[in-house]
Amino acid sequence: LNALFTTNLSEQLNFFVGYRGLRSLGSYINELSSNGNFKIGGSYDSKGNRYFLRSHITVQDIMNQENGGVVNLDLFESSEDPYNSRERLNVYSRDGKSLFKGIRTFLEHKFKFNKSTENEIWLKHKFYYEYKTNQFEQNDLVTYESDIAYFGNSYKGSINDKVRFKNFYNKVGLAYKSNTLGELTFNVDHTTFDYFYNSTVVSSSGTYIPSEMNYDLVTVGGAYEINKEKFLLNAEARQSISNVSLTEIKGMINYLPTSEIKVKAGYHFLSKIPDMTQQMFQSSYVNYNWLNNFSNEKIQSLTATVENPIVDVSANFQVINDKIYFSNNVTSLDENGSPIMQLVTPKQYGKTIGYFNIKAQKEIKFGKFALDNKVMFQQVSQDENIVNVPSFLTRN
């Protein structure tokens, strides 16, 4: 079900309300999905075009039954036995379930101080508040017709893990906009993160995992944009001035040498703190408890695109340092070549990873029919198999 109602209450005021619901049984045991998403909001433009506002509130819940995958991969991959239908294949969990809930309030508005349309001075403000919870429940911890605890030992006979997250964000900017010189903006933003459980963990080895993790991030930065007939330049930068380290620089250039050719080039550098689930995690599963002190991930990216009537070509090159990734700590394999258990934890790779891809896209038309083709080649330079991608991808 997907329903949306929107109306202009006046020439300046718009209102909308919508709901989307999904319920899908799935093809395998314990694979039901049930999602609900509600949204309400609107926008307002003043008569003199000096004040603009847009706002929304969203509420959603996403429930997924979690089966952990098919146990016998030979049955999964083989079609020789007609009785091995998907709903009969044994899975690792028959009663696992995850439930995500979230609410967000968003407001963005700006006010122009002067009436001039040649040289404009704007005050901008953006605000949002998010509250999210993620819960995992499981009663039967061993695989059906087996004594394997796929996710390892547990502190309890059943699992009921729940994590909560709050995010409060404010951004204030002052902008100068000129038809000749473009738009220059100075920004200050403030973000508070609160990631917490209603418990603490003390392991048998004495490792202590607290109930919460908090961050207070303040950044200053600026942005510049100029848009001419055949040329567009957009650049942004921001730097944290609080205890939380963050640096971001990005720029993009669009150029139209002719009406049929478009050239794009971009650069992005980001040094960011690790995700909170990578830093701290709690669970009734013994092996899914950790507290890490990872360094910032650093990612540099160069992109280039050429769009023309013959073929569209794009390329991307990335240099990644201090990559954080998840991997399984179990190396023992079953008869299908799969790990006998999933004991996954986050890790940080201290060396440099280089990633490159080039993609071509072309639509071929045959009268009233058309075939859209995309081909991509990827290559990774690394000493260990951290980033794993296929060399070639094609979509037709």
Protein backbone atom coordinates (compact mmCIF):
# COMPACT_ATOMS: atom_id res chain seq x y z
CA LEU A 1 0.00 0.00 0.00
CA ASN A 2 1.37 3.39 -1.00
CA ALA A 3 -0.84 6.45 -0.49
CA LEU A 4 0.04 10.14 -0.76
CA PHE A 5 -2.20 13.20 -0.42
CA THR A 6 -0.82 16.67 -1.11
CA THR A 7 -2.52 20.00 -1.67
CA ASN A 8 -1.69 23.67 -2.04
CA LEU A 9 -3.68 25.39 0.70
CA SER A 10 -2.67 28.69 -0.90
CA GLU A 11 -0.15 29.96 -3.45
CA GLN A 12 2.45 30.03 -0.66
CA LEU A 13 1.55 27.02 1.49
CA ASN A 14 1.74 23.30 0.61
CA PHE A 15 0.73 20.36 2.80
CA PHE A 16 1.28 16.62 2.39
CA VAL A 17 0.56 13.39 4.26
CA GLY A 18 1.45 9.88 3.18
CA TYR A 19 1.70 6.26 4.26
CA ARG A 20 3.46 3.26 2.78
CA GLY A 21 2.96 -0.27 4.08
CA LEU A 22 4.58 -3.53 3.00
CA ARG A 23 3.97 -7.10 4.10
CA SER A 24 5.83 -9.88 2.30
CA LEU A 25 5.93 -13.52 3.36
CA GLY A 26 9.18 -14.33 1.56
CA SER A 27 10.20 -17.58 -0.11
CA TYR A 28 12.05 -19.30 2.75
CA ILE A 29 11.31 -20.37 6.32
CA ASN A 30 11.08 -17.45 8.78
CA GLU A 31 11.41 -14.68 6.18
CA LEU A 32 8.38 -12.44 6.74
CA SER A 33 8.89 -8.68 6.29
CA SER A 34 6.44 -6.06 7.57
CA ASN A 35 7.16 -2.34 7.16
CA GLY A 36 5.16 0.81 7.87
CA ASN A 37 6.22 4.36 6.98
CA PHE A 38 4.18 7.50 7.80
CA LYS A 39 5.09 11.05 6.78
CA ILE A 40 3.51 14.47 7.20
CA GLY A 41 4.86 17.89 6.34
CA GLY A 42 4.72 20.94 4.15
CA SER A 43 6.45 23.96 2.71
CA TYR A 44 5.90 27.71 2.75
CA ASP A 45 7.16 30.55 0.53
CA SER A 46 6.47 34.15 1.47
CA LYS A 47 4.83 36.46 -1.08
CA GLY A 48 7.94 38.58 -1.44
CA ASN A 49 10.18 35.50 -1.88
CA ARG A 50 12.23 36.49 1.15
CA TYR A 51 11.34 33.57 3.42
CA PHE A 52 11.22 29.85 2.59
CA LEU A 53 10.40 26.94 4.89
CA ARG A 54 10.03 23.19 4.53
CA SER A 55 9.41 20.66 7.25
CA HIS A 56 8.38 17.05 7.80
CA ILE A 57 7.83 14.40 10.45
CA THR A 58 8.40 10.72 9.65
CA VAL A 59 7.57 7.65 11.72
CA GLN A 60 8.51 4.15 10.62
CA ASP A 61 8.83 0.58 11.83
CA ILE A 62 10.60 -2.20 9.94
CA MET A 63 10.19 -5.81 11.09
CA ASN A 64 12.15 -8.65 9.52
CA GLN A 65 12.21 -12.28 10.49
CA GLU A 66 15.85 -13.42 10.50
CA ASN A 67 16.66 -17.00 9.46
CA GLY A 68 20.46 -16.73 9.17
CA GLY A 69 20.50 -18.35 5.73
CA VAL A 70 20.10 -21.86 4.32
CA VAL A 71 22.06 -24.60 6.15
CA ASN A 72 22.74 -26.98 3.24
CA LEU A 73 24.07 -24.99 0.29
CA ASP A 74 23.93 -28.04 -1.99
CA LEU A 75 20.15 -28.04 -1.69
CA PHE A 76 20.04 -24.28 -2.17
CA GLU A 77 22.10 -24.34 -5.36
CA SER A 78 20.76 -27.57 -6.88
CA SER A 79 17.51 -27.89 -8.81
CA GLU A 80 17.77 -31.64 -9.42
CA ASP A 81 15.35 -32.59 -6.62
CA PRO A 82 11.89 -31.06 -7.26
CA TYR A 83 10.89 -31.65 -3.59
CA ASN A 84 13.59 -29.25 -2.31
CA SER A 85 11.35 -26.19 -2.60
CA ARG A 86 12.47 -23.03 -0.86
CA GLU A 87 9.95 -23.19 1.96
CA ARG A 88 11.25 -26.68 2.91
CA LEU A 89 14.97 -25.88 3.14
CA ASN A 90 16.42 -25.91 6.66
CA VAL A 91 17.67 -22.53 7.96
CA TYR A 92 19.87 -21.57 10.91
CA SER A 93 17.13 -19.75 12.84
CA ARG A 94 13.39 -20.40 12.80
CA ASP A 95 12.28 -17.71 15.24
CA GLY A 96 14.81 -14.84 14.97
CA LYS A 97 13.26 -11.40 14.48
CA SER A 98 14.56 -7.83 14.23
CA LEU A 99 12.47 -4.70 14.76
CA PHE A 100 13.65 -1.20 13.82
CA LYS A 101 11.65 1.86 14.89
CA GLY A 102 12.44 5.47 14.08
CA ILE A 103 11.01 8.98 14.28
CA ARG A 104 12.45 12.13 12.72
CA THR A 105 11.45 15.79 12.92
CA PHE A 106 13.00 18.03 10.24
CA LEU A 107 12.92 21.80 9.64
CA GLU A 108 14.83 23.87 7.10
CA HIS A 109 14.21 27.56 6.46
CA LYS A 110 15.98 30.69 5.24
CA PHE A 111 15.38 34.44 5.30
CA LYS A 112 16.68 37.15 2.96
CA PHE A 113 17.65 40.37 4.71
CA ASN A 114 17.47 42.68 1.70
CA LYS A 115 15.06 43.09 -1.23
CA SER A 116 17.73 43.14 -3.94
CA THR A 117 17.73 40.34 -6.52
CA GLU A 118 21.26 41.13 -7.73
CA ASN A 119 23.09 40.92 -4.40
CA GLU A 120 21.28 38.80 -1.80
CA ILE A 121 22.14 38.16 1.84
CA TRP A 122 20.54 35.08 3.41
CA LEU A 123 20.34 33.64 6.91
CA LYS A 124 19.85 29.84 6.79
CA HIS A 125 18.93 27.34 9.49
CA LYS A 126 18.51 23.54 9.41
CA PHE A 127 17.36 21.39 12.31
CA TYR A 128 16.43 17.77 12.82
CA TYR A 129 15.95 15.35 15.68
CA GLU A 130 16.03 11.56 15.31
CA TYR A 131 15.26 8.78 17.74
CA LYS A 132 15.81 5.16 16.66
CA THR A 133 15.68 1.75 18.29
CA ASN A 134 16.82 -1.59 16.95
CA GLN A 135 15.80 -4.84 18.66
CA PHE A 136 16.69 -8.48 18.01
CA GLU A 137 14.80 -11.41 19.53
CA GLN A 138 15.49 -15.15 19.34
CA ASN A 139 14.28 -18.00 21.55
CA ASP A 140 15.66 -21.15 19.90
CA LEU A 141 19.43 -20.59 19.75
CA VAL A 142 20.43 -23.82 18.00
CA THR A 143 19.86 -24.88 14.42
CA TYR A 144 16.85 -27.14 13.80
CA GLU A 145 17.78 -30.85 14.07
CA SER A 146 21.27 -29.83 15.20
CA ASP A 147 23.07 -28.72 18.37
CA ILE A 148 24.99 -25.94 16.57
CA ALA A 149 24.63 -22.50 18.16
CA TYR A 150 25.30 -20.59 14.96
CA PHE A 151 26.16 -17.32 16.72
CA GLY A 152 28.09 -18.93 19.59
CA ASN A 153 27.50 -19.14 23.32
CA SER A 154 25.02 -16.88 25.09
CA TYR A 155 24.60 -15.43 28.58
CA LYS A 156 20.88 -16.29 28.53
CA GLY A 157 18.66 -19.03 27.14
CA SER A 158 16.96 -16.52 24.84
CA ILE A 159 18.02 -13.30 23.13
CA ASN A 160 16.37 -9.90 23.50
CA ASP A 161 18.90 -7.21 22.53
CA LYS A 162 17.86 -3.58 22.10
CA VAL A 163 19.95 -0.51 21.26
CA ARG A 164 18.77 3.10 21.16
CA PHE A 165 20.11 6.13 19.30
CA LYS A 166 19.39 9.87 19.52
CA ASN A 167 20.69 12.52 17.12
CA PHE A 168 20.11 16.26 17.60
CA TYR A 169 21.38 18.49 14.77
CA ASN A 170 21.49 22.27 14.22
CA LYS A 171 23.13 24.16 11.38
CA VAL A 172 23.26 27.95 10.93
CA GLY A 173 24.64 29.63 7.82
CA LEU A 174 25.12 33.13 6.44
CA ALA A 175 25.19 33.40 2.65
CA TYR A 176 25.95 36.06 0.06
CA LYS A 177 24.55 35.43 -3.45
CA SER A 178 25.36 37.41 -6.58
CA ASN A 179 24.28 36.77 -10.16
CA THR A 180 27.85 37.52 -11.22
CA LEU A 181 30.01 36.09 -8.42
CA GLY A 182 27.90 33.11 -7.33
CA GLU A 183 26.94 32.13 -3.79
CA LEU A 184 29.31 32.05 -0.79
CA THR A 185 28.14 30.52 2.52
CA PHE A 186 29.68 30.25 5.98
CA ASN A 187 28.27 27.53 8.26
CA VAL A 188 28.43 26.40 11.87
CA ASP A 189 26.76 23.13 12.83
CA HIS A 190 26.32 21.30 16.11
CA THR A 191 25.44 17.61 16.47
CA THR A 192 24.91 15.52 19.59
CA PHE A 193 24.89 11.71 19.38
CA ASP A 194 23.58 9.49 22.15
CA TYR A 195 23.95 5.73 21.61
CA PHE A 196 22.87 3.59 24.56
CA TYR A 197 21.65 0.32 26.07
CA ASN A 198 19.81 -0.26 29.34
CA SER A 199 22.64 -2.47 30.61
CA THR A 200 26.37 -2.81 31.17
CA VAL A 201 28.52 -5.86 30.41
CA VAL A 202 31.40 -7.27 32.46
CA SER A 203 33.00 -10.29 30.78
CA SER A 204 34.71 -13.18 32.57
CA SER A 205 38.06 -11.70 31.52
CA GLY A 206 37.18 -8.39 33.21
CA THR A 207 36.37 -6.38 30.05
CA TYR A 208 33.85 -3.65 30.88
CA ILE A 209 31.40 -2.32 28.28
CA PRO A 210 29.47 0.77 29.41
CA SER A 211 25.78 1.38 28.82
CA GLU A 212 26.17 4.39 26.53
CA MET A 213 28.40 6.40 24.24
CA ASN A 214 27.96 10.13 23.68
CA TYR A 215 29.47 12.60 21.22
CA ASP A 216 29.25 16.37 20.93
CA LEU A 217 30.41 17.52 17.48
CA VAL A 218 30.86 21.15 16.40
CA THR A 219 32.12 22.01 12.91
CA VAL A 220 32.75 25.21 11.01
CA GLY A 221 32.91 25.42 7.25
CA GLY A 222 31.91 27.09 4.07
CA ALA A 223 30.54 26.47 0.61
CA TYR A 224 30.84 28.20 -2.75
CA GLU A 225 28.75 27.69 -5.88
CA ILE A 226 28.71 29.46 -9.23
CA ASN A 227 26.47 28.50 -12.14
CA LYS A 228 27.12 29.92 -15.56
CA GLU A 229 25.71 28.95 -18.94
CA LYS A 230 28.21 26.14 -19.63
CA PHE A 231 29.98 25.91 -16.29
CA LEU A 232 29.02 24.87 -12.76
CA LEU A 233 31.38 24.82 -9.76
CA ASN A 234 30.44 23.60 -6.31
CA ALA A 235 32.88 23.35 -3.39
CA GLU A 236 32.41 22.65 0.33
CA ALA A 237 34.64 22.22 3.37
CA ARG A 238 34.10 21.69 7.07
CA GLN A 239 36.34 21.05 10.07
CA SER A 240 35.48 20.05 13.63
CA ILE A 241 36.49 22.37 16.46
CA SER A 242 35.38 19.98 19.23
CA ASN A 243 36.94 16.86 20.72
CA VAL A 244 35.39 14.70 18.00
CA SER A 245 37.62 14.71 14.92
CA LEU A 246 36.04 15.27 11.49
CA THR A 247 37.38 16.80 8.27
CA GLU A 248 35.57 16.95 4.94
CA ILE A 249 36.50 18.62 1.66
CA LYS A 250 34.60 18.14 -1.59
CA GLY A 251 34.30 19.85 -4.94
CA MET A 252 32.58 19.26 -8.27
CA ILE A 253 32.92 20.85 -11.71
CA ASN A 254 30.38 20.47 -14.55
CA TYR A 255 31.26 21.69 -18.03
CA LEU A 256 29.17 21.63 -21.23
CA PRO A 257 31.47 22.16 -24.23
CA THR A 258 28.52 21.47 -26.60
CA SER A 259 24.81 20.83 -26.23
CA GLU A 260 25.39 17.06 -26.53
CA ILE A 261 28.50 16.64 -24.38
CA LYS A 262 28.73 17.01 -20.60
CA VAL A 263 31.95 16.62 -18.60
CA LYS A 264 32.01 16.20 -14.81
CA ALA A 265 34.91 15.95 -12.37
CA GLY A 266 34.91 15.74 -8.60
CA TYR A 267 37.10 15.31 -5.52
CA HIS A 268 36.08 14.23 -2.02
CA PHE A 269 38.17 13.82 1.14
CA LEU A 270 36.59 12.57 4.34
CA SER A 271 38.12 11.76 7.72
CA LYS A 272 35.33 10.53 9.99
CA ILE A 273 34.85 8.78 13.29
CA PRO A 274 33.83 5.10 13.14
CA ASP A 275 30.18 4.12 13.29
CA MET A 276 28.97 3.60 16.83
CA THR A 277 28.13 -0.07 16.27
CA GLN A 278 31.76 -0.53 15.23
CA GLN A 279 33.01 1.12 18.41
CA MET A 280 30.66 -0.43 20.97
CA PHE A 281 28.16 -3.27 20.91
CA GLN A 282 26.23 -5.31 23.48
CA SER A 283 24.41 -8.61 23.09
CA SER A 284 23.31 -11.64 25.07
CA TYR A 285 25.53 -13.55 22.62
CA VAL A 286 28.93 -13.70 24.35
CA ASN A 287 31.01 -13.05 21.23
CA TYR A 288 28.96 -10.04 20.15
CA ASN A 289 30.21 -7.68 22.83
CA TRP A 290 33.03 -5.25 22.12
CA LEU A 291 34.48 -1.85 22.96
CA ASN A 292 37.00 -0.52 20.44
CA ASN A 293 39.17 2.56 20.12
CA PHE A 294 39.51 2.80 16.34
CA SER A 295 41.19 5.63 14.44
CA ASN A 296 39.31 7.77 11.95
CA GLU A 297 38.67 6.30 8.52
CA LYS A 298 40.23 8.42 5.74
CA ILE A 299 38.81 8.24 2.23
CA GLN A 300 39.98 10.21 -0.80
CA SER A 301 37.96 9.91 -3.99
CA LEU A 302 38.38 11.22 -7.54
CA THR A 303 35.53 10.92 -10.05
CA ALA A 304 35.21 11.80 -13.73
CA THR A 305 32.29 11.43 -16.15
CA VAL A 306 31.84 12.12 -19.85
CA GLU A 307 28.30 12.00 -21.26
CA ASN A 308 27.93 12.07 -25.06
CA PRO A 309 25.68 10.56 -27.76
CA ILE A 310 28.08 7.67 -28.44
CA VAL A 311 28.61 6.26 -24.94
CA ASP A 312 28.61 7.56 -21.35
CA VAL A 313 31.83 6.78 -19.49
CA SER A 314 32.59 7.34 -15.81
CA ALA A 315 35.55 6.46 -13.59
CA ASN A 316 36.18 6.50 -9.86
CA PHE A 317 39.45 6.15 -7.94
CA GLN A 318 39.61 5.87 -4.16
CA VAL A 319 42.42 5.71 -1.60
CA ILE A 320 41.21 4.31 1.73
CA ASN A 321 43.25 4.37 4.94
CA ASP A 322 42.36 2.77 8.28
CA LYS A 323 39.41 0.91 6.77
CA ILE A 324 36.99 -0.58 9.33
CA TYR A 325 35.32 -3.81 8.29
CA PHE A 326 33.52 -6.85 9.74
CA SER A 327 34.77 -10.41 9.34
CA ASN A 328 34.12 -13.85 10.76
CA ASN A 329 36.58 -15.13 13.38
CA VAL A 330 35.72 -18.79 12.68
CA THR A 331 37.85 -20.54 10.07
CA SER A 332 36.48 -24.10 10.42
CA LEU A 333 34.29 -25.04 7.44
CA ASP A 334 31.46 -27.53 7.05
CA GLU A 335 31.00 -29.98 4.18
CA ASN A 336 29.60 -27.16 2.01
CA GLY A 337 32.66 -24.97 2.46
CA SER A 338 30.84 -22.52 4.73
CA PRO A 339 31.98 -21.47 8.24
CA ILE A 340 30.38 -23.68 10.89
CA MET A 341 29.58 -20.58 12.99
CA GLN A 342 29.27 -16.81 12.55
CA LEU A 343 31.33 -15.00 15.19
CA VAL A 344 31.66 -11.64 13.48
CA THR A 345 33.52 -8.65 14.94
CA PRO A 346 34.76 -5.29 13.57
CA LYS A 347 38.44 -4.79 12.77
CA GLN A 348 40.63 -2.00 11.42
CA TYR A 349 43.02 -2.43 8.53
CA GLY A 350 46.14 -0.34 9.07
CA LYS A 351 47.37 -0.37 5.48
CA THR A 352 46.27 1.54 2.38
CA ILE A 353 43.60 0.22 0.02
CA GLY A 354 43.33 1.46 -3.56
CA TYR A 355 40.07 1.02 -5.46
CA PHE A 356 39.34 1.83 -9.11
CA ASN A 357 36.34 1.35 -11.35
CA ILE A 358 35.37 2.43 -14.84
CA LYS A 359 31.82 2.17 -16.15
CA ALA A 360 30.30 2.52 -19.63
CA GLN A 361 26.61 2.93 -20.40
CA LYS A 362 24.84 2.88 -23.77
CA GLU A 363 21.24 2.47 -24.87
CA ILE A 364 20.78 0.73 -28.24
CA LYS A 365 17.45 1.27 -29.99
CA PHE A 366 15.75 -1.06 -32.49
CA GLY A 367 12.64 0.67 -33.79
CA LYS A 368 10.21 0.74 -30.87
CA PHE A 369 12.47 -1.48 -28.75
CA ALA A 370 15.53 -0.49 -26.74
CA LEU A 371 18.26 -2.30 -24.79
CA ASP A 372 20.05 -0.39 -22.04
CA ASN A 373 23.57 -1.73 -21.34
CA LYS A 374 25.95 -1.01 -18.47
CA VAL A 375 29.39 -2.59 -18.04
CA MET A 376 31.75 -1.93 -15.14
CA PHE A 377 35.32 -3.05 -14.45
CA GLN A 378 36.67 -2.93 -10.88
CA GLN A 379 40.14 -3.40 -9.44
CA VAL A 380 41.35 -3.34 -5.82
CA SER A 381 44.95 -2.94 -4.68
CA GLN A 382 45.47 -4.38 -1.16
CA ASP A 383 47.74 -6.78 0.72
CA GLU A 384 44.80 -8.67 2.27
CA ASN A 385 41.27 -9.43 1.07
CA ILE A 386 39.48 -6.62 2.90
CA VAL A 387 37.43 -5.07 0.08
CA ASN A 388 36.10 -7.90 -2.08
CA VAL A 389 34.36 -7.05 -5.36
CA PRO A 390 33.92 -8.84 -8.72
CA SER A 391 36.19 -7.68 -11.53
CA PHE A 392 33.36 -7.29 -14.05
CA LEU A 393 29.71 -6.37 -13.68
CA THR A 394 27.18 -6.08 -16.50
CA ARG A 395 23.53 -5.04 -16.45
CA ASN A 396 21.38 -5.23 -19.54
